[in-house]
Amino acid sequence: MLLLWHRLVSWCDQLWYLMRCIRRLRRHPLRWRSRPIASLSRRVFAQPKPQWVKREIIRLKAVMPQAGCRTIVHHFNRRWQRTRQMMVSKTYVANMCRRH
């Protein structure tokens, strides 16, 4: 009897999960197709950084030529996070150093 009860509960749980999935699909049918094709080519996640940020990163790299991107990010974020609410990432610093 106990085994039968566990199977029934398991079956109900699976049925509930399937119903939730169907409801989610009905609510958002083919969400990925609703975007225009042109917007998929280039996504902009953040606004471009001001010019002073680029100059400051280049200046820090010139002052500390042996420092890597992580060190430059650390010093930049410690200095400018509170006063100007500006932060940079390692990828941004690496790209700036590569471009310059």
PDB file of N, CA and C in Angstrom:
ATOM      1  N   MET A   1       0.823  -1.194   0.000  1.00  0.00           N
ATOM      2  CA  MET A   1       0.000   0.000   0.000  1.00  0.00           C
ATOM      3  C   MET A   1       0.871   1.262   0.000  1.00  0.00           C
ATOM      4  N   LEU A   2       1.953   1.227   0.794  1.00  0.00           N
ATOM      5  CA  LEU A   2       2.835   2.391   0.880  1.00  0.00           C
ATOM      6  C   LEU A   2       3.536   2.652  -0.455  1.00  0.00           C
ATOM      7  N   LEU A   3       3.926   1.576  -1.138  1.00  0.00           N
ATOM      8  CA  LEU A   3       4.572   1.710  -2.438  1.00  0.00           C
ATOM      9  C   LEU A   3       3.617   2.318  -3.462  1.00  0.00           C
ATOM     10  N   LEU A   4       2.377   1.917  -3.427  1.00  0.00           N
ATOM     11  CA  LEU A   4       1.366   2.466  -4.316  1.00  0.00           C
ATOM     12  C   LEU A   4       1.176   3.961  -4.074  1.00  0.00           C
ATOM     13  N   TRP A   5       1.170   4.340  -2.796  1.00  0.00           N
ATOM     14  CA  TRP A   5       1.018   5.753  -2.426  1.00  0.00           C
ATOM     15  C   TRP A   5       2.197   6.580  -2.953  1.00  0.00           C
ATOM     16  N   HIS A   6       3.420   6.071  -2.829  1.00  0.00           N
ATOM     17  CA  HIS A   6       4.600   6.789  -3.325  1.00  0.00           C
ATOM     18  C   HIS A   6       4.561   6.942  -4.846  1.00  0.00           C
ATOM     19  N   ARG A   7       4.103   5.893  -5.539  1.00  0.00           N
ATOM     20  CA  ARG A   7       3.996   5.995  -6.993  1.00  0.00           C
ATOM     21  C   ARG A   7       2.962   7.038  -7.397  1.00  0.00           C
ATOM     22  N   LEU A   8       1.862   7.093  -6.689  1.00  0.00           N
ATOM     23  CA  LEU A   8       0.824   8.073  -6.985  1.00  0.00           C
ATOM     24  C   LEU A   8       1.327   9.500  -6.760  1.00  0.00           C
ATOM     25  N   VAL A   9       2.026   9.703  -5.668  1.00  0.00           N
ATOM     26  CA  VAL A   9       2.584  11.028  -5.376  1.00  0.00           C
ATOM     27  C   VAL A   9       3.620  11.405  -6.430  1.00  0.00           C
ATOM     28  N   SER A  10       4.460  10.466  -6.824  1.00  0.00           N
ATOM     29  CA  SER A  10       5.470  10.735  -7.844  1.00  0.00           C
ATOM     30  C   SER A  10       4.809  11.078  -9.183  1.00  0.00           C
ATOM     31  N   TRP A  11       3.764  10.325  -9.539  1.00  0.00           N
ATOM     32  CA  TRP A  11       3.055  10.579 -10.776  1.00  0.00           C
ATOM     33  C   TRP A  11       2.401  11.958 -10.761  1.00  0.00           C
ATOM     34  N   CYS A  12       1.791  12.332  -9.638  1.00  0.00           N
ATOM     35  CA  CYS A  12       1.167  13.662  -9.519  1.00  0.00           C
ATOM     36  C   CYS A  12       2.218  14.765  -9.613  1.00  0.00           C
ATOM     37  N   ASP A  13       3.369  14.530  -9.031  1.00  0.00           N
ATOM     38  CA  ASP A  13       4.447  15.514  -9.081  1.00  0.00           C
ATOM     39  C   ASP A  13       4.929  15.716 -10.519  1.00  0.00           C
ATOM     40  N   GLN A  14       5.075  14.621 -11.258  1.00  0.00           N
ATOM     41  CA  GLN A  14       5.490  14.725 -12.650  1.00  0.00           C
ATOM     42  C   GLN A  14       4.431  15.413 -13.508  1.00  0.00           C
ATOM     43  N   LEU A  15       3.183  15.102 -13.239  1.00  0.00           N
ATOM     44  CA  LEU A  15       2.092  15.747 -13.961  1.00  0.00           C
ATOM     45  C   LEU A  15       2.061  17.245 -13.688  1.00  0.00           C
ATOM     46  N   TRP A  16       2.278  17.643 -12.446  1.00  0.00           N
ATOM     47  CA  TRP A  16       2.305  19.056 -12.072  1.00  0.00           C
ATOM     48  C   TRP A  16       3.458  19.778 -12.783  1.00  0.00           C
ATOM     49  N   TYR A  17       4.615  19.133 -12.847  1.00  0.00           N
ATOM     50  CA  TYR A  17       5.761  19.725 -13.542  1.00  0.00           C
ATOM     51  C   TYR A  17       5.458  19.908 -15.032  1.00  0.00           C
ATOM     52  N   LEU A  18       4.842  18.899 -15.652  1.00  0.00           N
ATOM     53  CA  LEU A  18       4.500  18.987 -17.063  1.00  0.00           C
ATOM     54  C   LEU A  18       3.495  20.107 -17.327  1.00  0.00           C
ATOM     55  N   MET A  19       2.525  20.266 -16.446  1.00  0.00           N
ATOM     56  CA  MET A  19       1.541  21.335 -16.613  1.00  0.00           C
ATOM     57  C   MET A  19       2.184  22.709 -16.489  1.00  0.00           C
ATOM     58  N   ARG A  20       3.138  22.854 -15.576  1.00  0.00           N
ATOM     59  CA  ARG A  20       3.848  24.132 -15.442  1.00  0.00           C
ATOM     60  C   ARG A  20       4.632  24.444 -16.702  1.00  0.00           C
ATOM     61  N   CYS A  21       5.273  23.431 -17.284  1.00  0.00           N
ATOM     62  CA  CYS A  21       6.035  23.653 -18.519  1.00  0.00           C
ATOM     63  C   CYS A  21       5.119  24.061 -19.661  1.00  0.00           C
ATOM     64  N   ILE A  22       3.978  23.412 -19.780  1.00  0.00           N
ATOM     65  CA  ILE A  22       3.034  23.750 -20.846  1.00  0.00           C
ATOM     66  C   ILE A  22       2.496  25.158 -20.656  1.00  0.00           C
ATOM     67  N   ARG A  23       2.189  25.517 -19.429  1.00  0.00           N
ATOM     68  CA  ARG A  23       1.683  26.865 -19.154  1.00  0.00           C
ATOM     69  C   ARG A  23       2.736  27.920 -19.494  1.00  0.00           C
ATOM     70  N   ARG A  24       4.004  27.638 -19.188  1.00  0.00           N
ATOM     71  CA  ARG A  24       5.084  28.575 -19.488  1.00  0.00           C
ATOM     72  C   ARG A  24       5.258  28.731 -20.999  1.00  0.00           C
ATOM     73  N   LEU A  25       5.135  27.625 -21.749  1.00  0.00           N
ATOM     74  CA  LEU A  25       5.248  27.707 -23.204  1.00  0.00           C
ATOM     75  C   LEU A  25       4.081  28.468 -23.820  1.00  0.00           C
ATOM     76  N   ARG A  26       2.891  28.285 -23.267  1.00  0.00           N
ATOM     77  CA  ARG A  26       1.733  28.975 -23.800  1.00  0.00           C
ATOM     78  C   ARG A  26       1.821  30.478 -23.519  1.00  0.00           C
ATOM     79  N   ARG A  27       2.416  30.835 -22.390  1.00  0.00           N
ATOM     80  CA  ARG A  27       2.538  32.246 -22.024  1.00  0.00           C
ATOM     81  C   ARG A  27       3.530  32.970 -22.914  1.00  0.00           C
ATOM     82  N   HIS A  28       4.628  32.319 -23.275  1.00  0.00           N
ATOM     83  CA  HIS A  28       5.677  32.931 -24.097  1.00  0.00           C
ATOM     84  C   HIS A  28       5.993  32.019 -25.278  1.00  0.00           C
ATOM     85  N   PRO A  29       5.139  31.947 -26.266  1.00  0.00           N
ATOM     86  CA  PRO A  29       5.425  31.043 -27.386  1.00  0.00           C
ATOM     87  C   PRO A  29       6.529  31.599 -28.270  1.00  0.00           C
ATOM     88  N   LEU A  30       7.538  30.816 -28.461  1.00  0.00           N
ATOM     89  CA  LEU A  30       8.644  31.158 -29.360  1.00  0.00           C
ATOM     90  C   LEU A  30       9.189  32.552 -29.098  1.00  0.00           C
ATOM     91  N   ARG A  31       9.566  32.770 -27.872  1.00  0.00           N
ATOM     92  CA  ARG A  31      10.064  34.082 -27.452  1.00  0.00           C
ATOM     93  C   ARG A  31      11.286  34.494 -28.257  1.00  0.00           C
ATOM     94  N   TRP A  32      12.123  33.554 -28.595  1.00  0.00           N
ATOM     95  CA  TRP A  32      13.361  33.898 -29.292  1.00  0.00           C
ATOM     96  C   TRP A  32      13.109  34.377 -30.709  1.00  0.00           C
ATOM     97  N   ARG A  33      11.978  34.059 -31.315  1.00  0.00           N
ATOM     98  CA  ARG A  33      11.696  34.513 -32.670  1.00  0.00           C
ATOM     99  C   ARG A  33      11.076  35.903 -32.706  1.00  0.00           C
ATOM    100  N   SER A  34      10.647  36.415 -31.564  1.00  0.00           N
ATOM    101  CA  SER A  34       9.954  37.698 -31.566  1.00  0.00           C
ATOM    102  C   SER A  34      10.903  38.882 -31.745  1.00  0.00           C
ATOM    103  N   ARG A  35      12.221  38.665 -31.569  1.00  0.00           N
ATOM    104  CA  ARG A  35      13.177  39.762 -31.734  1.00  0.00           C
ATOM    105  C   ARG A  35      13.427  40.022 -33.216  1.00  0.00           C
ATOM    106  N   PRO A  36      13.635  41.285 -33.577  1.00  0.00           N
ATOM    107  CA  PRO A  36      14.010  41.556 -34.968  1.00  0.00           C
ATOM    108  C   PRO A  36      15.407  41.018 -35.264  1.00  0.00           C
ATOM    109  N   ILE A  37      15.636  40.635 -36.485  1.00  0.00           N
ATOM    110  CA  ILE A  37      16.911  40.033 -36.876  1.00  0.00           C
ATOM    111  C   ILE A  37      18.053  41.039 -36.750  1.00  0.00           C
ATOM    112  N   ALA A  38      17.800  42.314 -37.027  1.00  0.00           N
ATOM    113  CA  ALA A  38      18.869  43.323 -37.002  1.00  0.00           C
ATOM    114  C   ALA A  38      19.423  43.512 -35.604  1.00  0.00           C
ATOM    115  N   SER A  39      18.605  43.359 -34.581  1.00  0.00           N
ATOM    116  CA  SER A  39      19.089  43.592 -33.219  1.00  0.00           C
ATOM    117  C   SER A  39      19.960  42.443 -32.728  1.00  0.00           C
ATOM    118  N   LEU A  40      19.899  41.280 -33.370  1.00  0.00           N
ATOM    119  CA  LEU A  40      20.704  40.151 -32.929  1.00  0.00           C
ATOM    120  C   LEU A  40      22.159  40.281 -33.343  1.00  0.00           C
ATOM    121  N   SER A  41      22.460  41.138 -34.328  1.00  0.00           N
ATOM    122  CA  SER A  41      23.817  41.239 -34.823  1.00  0.00           C
ATOM    123  C   SER A  41      24.748  41.899 -33.808  1.00  0.00           C
ATOM    124  N   ARG A  42      24.284  42.933 -33.104  1.00  0.00           N
ATOM    125  CA  ARG A  42      25.137  43.631 -32.150  1.00  0.00           C
ATOM    126  C   ARG A  42      24.305  44.055 -30.953  1.00  0.00           C
ATOM    127  N   ARG A  43      24.661  43.563 -29.794  1.00  0.00           N
ATOM    128  CA  ARG A  43      23.947  43.917 -28.579  1.00  0.00           C
ATOM    129  C   ARG A  43      24.806  44.873 -27.762  1.00  0.00           C
ATOM    130  N   VAL A  44      24.218  45.934 -27.288  1.00  0.00           N
ATOM    131  CA  VAL A  44      24.927  46.894 -26.450  1.00  0.00           C
ATOM    132  C   VAL A  44      24.393  46.733 -25.038  1.00  0.00           C
ATOM    133  N   PHE A  45      25.254  46.292 -24.128  1.00  0.00           N
ATOM    134  CA  PHE A  45      24.833  46.052 -22.762  1.00  0.00           C
ATOM    135  C   PHE A  45      25.043  47.262 -21.868  1.00  0.00           C
ATOM    136  N   ALA A  46      25.979  48.116 -22.194  1.00  0.00           N
ATOM    137  CA  ALA A  46      26.273  49.271 -21.346  1.00  0.00           C
ATOM    138  C   ALA A  46      26.600  50.478 -22.229  1.00  0.00           C
ATOM    139  N   GLN A  47      26.447  51.646 -21.661  1.00  0.00           N
ATOM    140  CA  GLN A  47      26.798  52.872 -22.358  1.00  0.00           C
ATOM    141  C   GLN A  47      28.309  52.944 -22.524  1.00  0.00           C
ATOM    142  N   PRO A  48      28.805  53.607 -23.569  1.00  0.00           N
ATOM    143  CA  PRO A  48      30.252  53.740 -23.717  1.00  0.00           C
ATOM    144  C   PRO A  48      30.849  54.557 -22.580  1.00  0.00           C
ATOM    145  N   LYS A  49      32.072  54.221 -22.214  1.00  0.00           N
ATOM    146  CA  LYS A  49      32.751  54.915 -21.119  1.00  0.00           C
ATOM    147  C   LYS A  49      33.162  56.316 -21.571  1.00  0.00           C
ATOM    148  N   PRO A  50      33.200  57.253 -20.629  1.00  0.00           N
ATOM    149  CA  PRO A  50      33.659  58.601 -20.975  1.00  0.00           C
ATOM    150  C   PRO A  50      35.134  58.600 -21.388  1.00  0.00           C
ATOM    151  N   GLN A  51      35.542  59.683 -22.021  1.00  0.00           N
ATOM    152  CA  GLN A  51      36.915  59.782 -22.520  1.00  0.00           C
ATOM    153  C   GLN A  51      37.933  59.794 -21.384  1.00  0.00           C
ATOM    154  N   TRP A  52      37.571  60.377 -20.237  1.00  0.00           N
ATOM    155  CA  TRP A  52      38.533  60.439 -19.137  1.00  0.00           C
ATOM    156  C   TRP A  52      38.869  59.048 -18.609  1.00  0.00           C
ATOM    157  N   VAL A  53      37.945  58.103 -18.723  1.00  0.00           N
ATOM    158  CA  VAL A  53      38.210  56.733 -18.264  1.00  0.00           C
ATOM    159  C   VAL A  53      39.278  56.102 -19.143  1.00  0.00           C
ATOM    160  N   LYS A  54      39.156  56.288 -20.444  1.00  0.00           N
ATOM    161  CA  LYS A  54      40.148  55.734 -21.359  1.00  0.00           C
ATOM    162  C   LYS A  54      41.527  56.332 -21.099  1.00  0.00           C
ATOM    163  N   ARG A  55      41.567  57.663 -20.895  1.00  0.00           N
ATOM    164  CA  ARG A  55      42.853  58.314 -20.620  1.00  0.00           C
ATOM    165  C   ARG A  55      43.451  57.828 -19.302  1.00  0.00           C
ATOM    166  N   GLU A  56      42.607  57.623 -18.292  1.00  0.00           N
ATOM    167  CA  GLU A  56      43.095  57.172 -16.984  1.00  0.00           C
ATOM    168  C   GLU A  56      43.649  55.752 -17.058  1.00  0.00           C
ATOM    169  N   ILE A  57      43.008  54.890 -17.811  1.00  0.00           N
ATOM    170  CA  ILE A  57      43.513  53.521 -17.953  1.00  0.00           C
ATOM    171  C   ILE A  57      44.858  53.521 -18.671  1.00  0.00           C
ATOM    172  N   ILE A  58      44.974  54.313 -19.706  1.00  0.00           N
ATOM    173  CA  ILE A  58      46.244  54.403 -20.433  1.00  0.00           C
ATOM    174  C   ILE A  58      47.321  55.004 -19.541  1.00  0.00           C
ATOM    175  N   ARG A  59      46.946  55.999 -18.731  1.00  0.00           N
ATOM    176  CA  ARG A  59      47.909  56.601 -17.803  1.00  0.00           C
ATOM    177  C   ARG A  59      48.384  55.586 -16.770  1.00  0.00           C
ATOM    178  N   LEU A  60      47.443  54.798 -16.204  1.00  0.00           N
ATOM    179  CA  LEU A  60      47.830  53.791 -15.216  1.00  0.00           C
ATOM    180  C   LEU A  60      48.753  52.744 -15.832  1.00  0.00           C
ATOM    181  N   LYS A  61      48.477  52.362 -17.057  1.00  0.00           N
ATOM    182  CA  LYS A  61      49.349  51.384 -17.719  1.00  0.00           C
ATOM    183  C   LYS A  61      50.729  51.970 -17.979  1.00  0.00           C
ATOM    184  N   ALA A  62      50.789  53.272 -18.287  1.00  0.00           N
ATOM    185  CA  ALA A  62      52.089  53.916 -18.501  1.00  0.00           C
ATOM    186  C   ALA A  62      52.866  54.038 -17.197  1.00  0.00           C
ATOM    187  N   VAL A  63      52.158  54.307 -16.100  1.00  0.00           N
ATOM    188  CA  VAL A  63      52.827  54.440 -14.800  1.00  0.00           C
ATOM    189  C   VAL A  63      53.290  53.076 -14.294  1.00  0.00           C
ATOM    190  N   MET A  64      52.479  52.043 -14.528  1.00  0.00           N
ATOM    191  CA  MET A  64      52.818  50.693 -14.065  1.00  0.00           C
ATOM    192  C   MET A  64      52.925  49.762 -15.283  1.00  0.00           C
ATOM    193  N   PRO A  65      54.028  49.796 -16.020  1.00  0.00           N
ATOM    194  CA  PRO A  65      54.120  49.007 -17.258  1.00  0.00           C
ATOM    195  C   PRO A  65      54.129  47.499 -17.015  1.00  0.00           C
ATOM    196  N   GLN A  66      54.581  47.049 -15.853  1.00  0.00           N
ATOM    197  CA  GLN A  66      54.626  45.618 -15.566  1.00  0.00           C
ATOM    198  C   GLN A  66      53.301  45.083 -15.023  1.00  0.00           C
ATOM    199  N   ALA A  67      52.371  45.979 -14.691  1.00  0.00           N
ATOM    200  CA  ALA A  67      51.105  45.560 -14.101  1.00  0.00           C
ATOM    201  C   ALA A  67      50.205  44.949 -15.160  1.00  0.00           C
ATOM    202  N   GLY A  68      49.437  43.966 -14.738  1.00  0.00           N
ATOM    203  CA  GLY A  68      48.481  43.334 -15.633  1.00  0.00           C
ATOM    204  C   GLY A  68      47.130  44.033 -15.567  1.00  0.00           C
ATOM    205  N   CYS A  69      46.200  43.484 -16.298  1.00  0.00           N
ATOM    206  CA  CYS A  69      44.863  44.091 -16.361  1.00  0.00           C
ATOM    207  C   CYS A  69      44.171  44.054 -15.004  1.00  0.00           C
ATOM    208  N   ARG A  70      44.343  42.968 -14.256  1.00  0.00           N
ATOM    209  CA  ARG A  70      43.689  42.844 -12.959  1.00  0.00           C
ATOM    210  C   ARG A  70      44.171  43.915 -11.982  1.00  0.00           C
ATOM    211  N   THR A  71      45.469  44.206 -11.997  1.00  0.00           N
ATOM    212  CA  THR A  71      46.016  45.234 -11.112  1.00  0.00           C
ATOM    213  C   THR A  71      45.511  46.608 -11.498  1.00  0.00           C
ATOM    214  N   ILE A  72      45.455  46.893 -12.778  1.00  0.00           N
ATOM    215  CA  ILE A  72      44.960  48.190 -13.234  1.00  0.00           C
ATOM    216  C   ILE A  72      43.484  48.352 -12.883  1.00  0.00           C
ATOM    217  N   VAL A  73      42.702  47.291 -13.068  1.00  0.00           N
ATOM    218  CA  VAL A  73      41.286  47.337 -12.687  1.00  0.00           C
ATOM    219  C   VAL A  73      41.145  47.604 -11.201  1.00  0.00           C
ATOM    220  N   HIS A  74      41.942  46.922 -10.396  1.00  0.00           N
ATOM    221  CA  HIS A  74      41.873  47.100  -8.947  1.00  0.00           C
ATOM    222  C   HIS A  74      42.149  48.544  -8.551  1.00  0.00           C
ATOM    223  N   HIS A  75      43.222  49.130  -9.084  1.00  0.00           N
ATOM    224  CA  HIS A  75      43.572  50.506  -8.722  1.00  0.00           C
ATOM    225  C   HIS A  75      42.552  51.511  -9.251  1.00  0.00           C
ATOM    226  N   PHE A  76      42.080  51.310 -10.465  1.00  0.00           N
ATOM    227  CA  PHE A  76      41.086  52.229 -11.027  1.00  0.00           C
ATOM    228  C   PHE A  76      39.794  52.192 -10.215  1.00  0.00           C
ATOM    229  N   ASN A  77      39.297  50.990  -9.948  1.00  0.00           N
ATOM    230  CA  ASN A  77      38.032  50.882  -9.227  1.00  0.00           C
ATOM    231  C   ASN A  77      38.134  51.395  -7.795  1.00  0.00           C
ATOM    232  N   ARG A  78      39.274  51.192  -7.137  1.00  0.00           N
ATOM    233  CA  ARG A  78      39.431  51.724  -5.782  1.00  0.00           C
ATOM    234  C   ARG A  78      39.425  53.246  -5.781  1.00  0.00           C
ATOM    235  N   ARG A  79      40.000  53.828  -6.824  1.00  0.00           N
ATOM    236  CA  ARG A  79      40.106  55.290  -6.843  1.00  0.00           C
ATOM    237  C   ARG A  79      38.811  55.970  -7.275  1.00  0.00           C
ATOM    238  N   TRP A  80      38.098  55.422  -8.248  1.00  0.00           N
ATOM    239  CA  TRP A  80      36.979  56.148  -8.851  1.00  0.00           C
ATOM    240  C   TRP A  80      35.593  55.595  -8.543  1.00  0.00           C
ATOM    241  N   GLN A  81      35.485  54.512  -7.804  1.00  0.00           N
ATOM    242  CA  GLN A  81      34.173  53.919  -7.570  1.00  0.00           C
ATOM    243  C   GLN A  81      33.286  54.807  -6.707  1.00  0.00           C
ATOM    244  N   ARG A  82      33.808  55.344  -5.661  1.00  0.00           N
ATOM    245  CA  ARG A  82      32.983  56.159  -4.758  1.00  0.00           C
ATOM    246  C   ARG A  82      32.760  57.573  -5.254  1.00  0.00           C
ATOM    247  N   THR A  83      33.825  58.209  -5.743  1.00  0.00           N
ATOM    248  CA  THR A  83      33.688  59.624  -6.092  1.00  0.00           C
ATOM    249  C   THR A  83      32.899  59.842  -7.372  1.00  0.00           C
ATOM    250  N   ARG A  84      33.164  59.048  -8.408  1.00  0.00           N
ATOM    251  CA  ARG A  84      32.476  59.251  -9.685  1.00  0.00           C
ATOM    252  C   ARG A  84      31.569  58.089 -10.085  1.00  0.00           C
ATOM    253  N   GLN A  85      31.420  57.102  -9.208  1.00  0.00           N
ATOM    254  CA  GLN A  85      30.597  55.917  -9.475  1.00  0.00           C
ATOM    255  C   GLN A  85      30.953  55.276 -10.819  1.00  0.00           C
ATOM    256  N   MET A  86      32.234  55.104 -11.042  1.00  0.00           N
ATOM    257  CA  MET A  86      32.705  54.534 -12.306  1.00  0.00           C
ATOM    258  C   MET A  86      33.560  53.307 -12.004  1.00  0.00           C
ATOM    259  N   MET A  87      33.248  52.215 -12.682  1.00  0.00           N
ATOM    260  CA  MET A  87      34.014  50.983 -12.546  1.00  0.00           C
ATOM    261  C   MET A  87      34.310  50.437 -13.940  1.00  0.00           C
ATOM    262  N   VAL A  88      35.405  49.670 -14.037  1.00  0.00           N
ATOM    263  CA  VAL A  88      35.757  49.023 -15.291  1.00  0.00           C
ATOM    264  C   VAL A  88      35.991  47.542 -15.025  1.00  0.00           C
ATOM    265  N   SER A  89      35.994  46.761 -16.092  1.00  0.00           N
ATOM    266  CA  SER A  89      36.233  45.324 -15.965  1.00  0.00           C
ATOM    267  C   SER A  89      37.594  44.975 -16.567  1.00  0.00           C
ATOM    268  N   LYS A  90      38.036  43.743 -16.295  1.00  0.00           N
ATOM    269  CA  LYS A  90      39.314  43.297 -16.840  1.00  0.00           C
ATOM    270  C   LYS A  90      39.283  43.246 -18.366  1.00  0.00           C
ATOM    271  N   THR A  91      38.169  42.835 -18.912  1.00  0.00           N
ATOM    272  CA  THR A  91      38.048  42.758 -20.360  1.00  0.00           C
ATOM    273  C   THR A  91      38.144  44.129 -20.990  1.00  0.00           C
ATOM    274  N   TYR A  92      37.491  45.117 -20.372  1.00  0.00           N
ATOM    275  CA  TYR A  92      37.541  46.478 -20.900  1.00  0.00           C
ATOM    276  C   TYR A  92      38.971  47.011 -20.879  1.00  0.00           C
ATOM    277  N   VAL A  93      39.674  46.788 -19.770  1.00  0.00           N
ATOM    278  CA  VAL A  93      41.064  47.258 -19.665  1.00  0.00           C
ATOM    279  C   VAL A  93      41.958  46.541 -20.676  1.00  0.00           C
ATOM    280  N   ALA A  94      41.762  45.245 -20.834  1.00  0.00           N
ATOM    281  CA  ALA A  94      42.583  44.503 -21.802  1.00  0.00           C
ATOM    282  C   ALA A  94      42.349  45.006 -23.227  1.00  0.00           C
ATOM    283  N   ASN A  95      41.091  45.255 -23.559  1.00  0.00           N
ATOM    284  CA  ASN A  95      40.786  45.779 -24.901  1.00  0.00           C
ATOM    285  C   ASN A  95      41.356  47.169 -25.113  1.00  0.00           C
ATOM    286  N   MET A  96      41.293  48.019 -24.085  1.00  0.00           N
ATOM    287  CA  MET A  96      41.842  49.380 -24.209  1.00  0.00           C
ATOM    288  C   MET A  96      43.357  49.328 -24.400  1.00  0.00           C
ATOM    289  N   CYS A  97      44.028  48.487 -23.616  1.00  0.00           N
ATOM    290  CA  CYS A  97      45.490  48.388 -23.751  1.00  0.00           C
ATOM    291  C   CYS A  97      45.876  47.812 -25.108  1.00  0.00           C
ATOM    292  N   ARG A  98      45.110  46.860 -25.594  1.00  0.00           N
ATOM    293  CA  ARG A  98      45.393  46.264 -26.894  1.00  0.00           C
ATOM    294  C   ARG A  98      45.191  47.272 -28.009  1.00  0.00           C
ATOM    295  N   ARG A  99      44.106  48.046 -27.913  1.00  0.00           N
ATOM    296  CA  ARG A  99      43.824  49.055 -28.953  1.00  0.00           C
ATOM    297  C   ARG A  99      44.861  50.162 -28.945  1.00  0.00           C
ATOM    298  N   HIS A 100      45.275  50.576 -27.757  1.00  0.00           N
ATOM    299  CA  HIS A 100      46.214  51.696 -27.669  1.00  0.00           C
ATOM    300  C   HIS A 100      47.617  51.240 -28.071  1.00  0.00           C
TER     301      HIS A 100
END
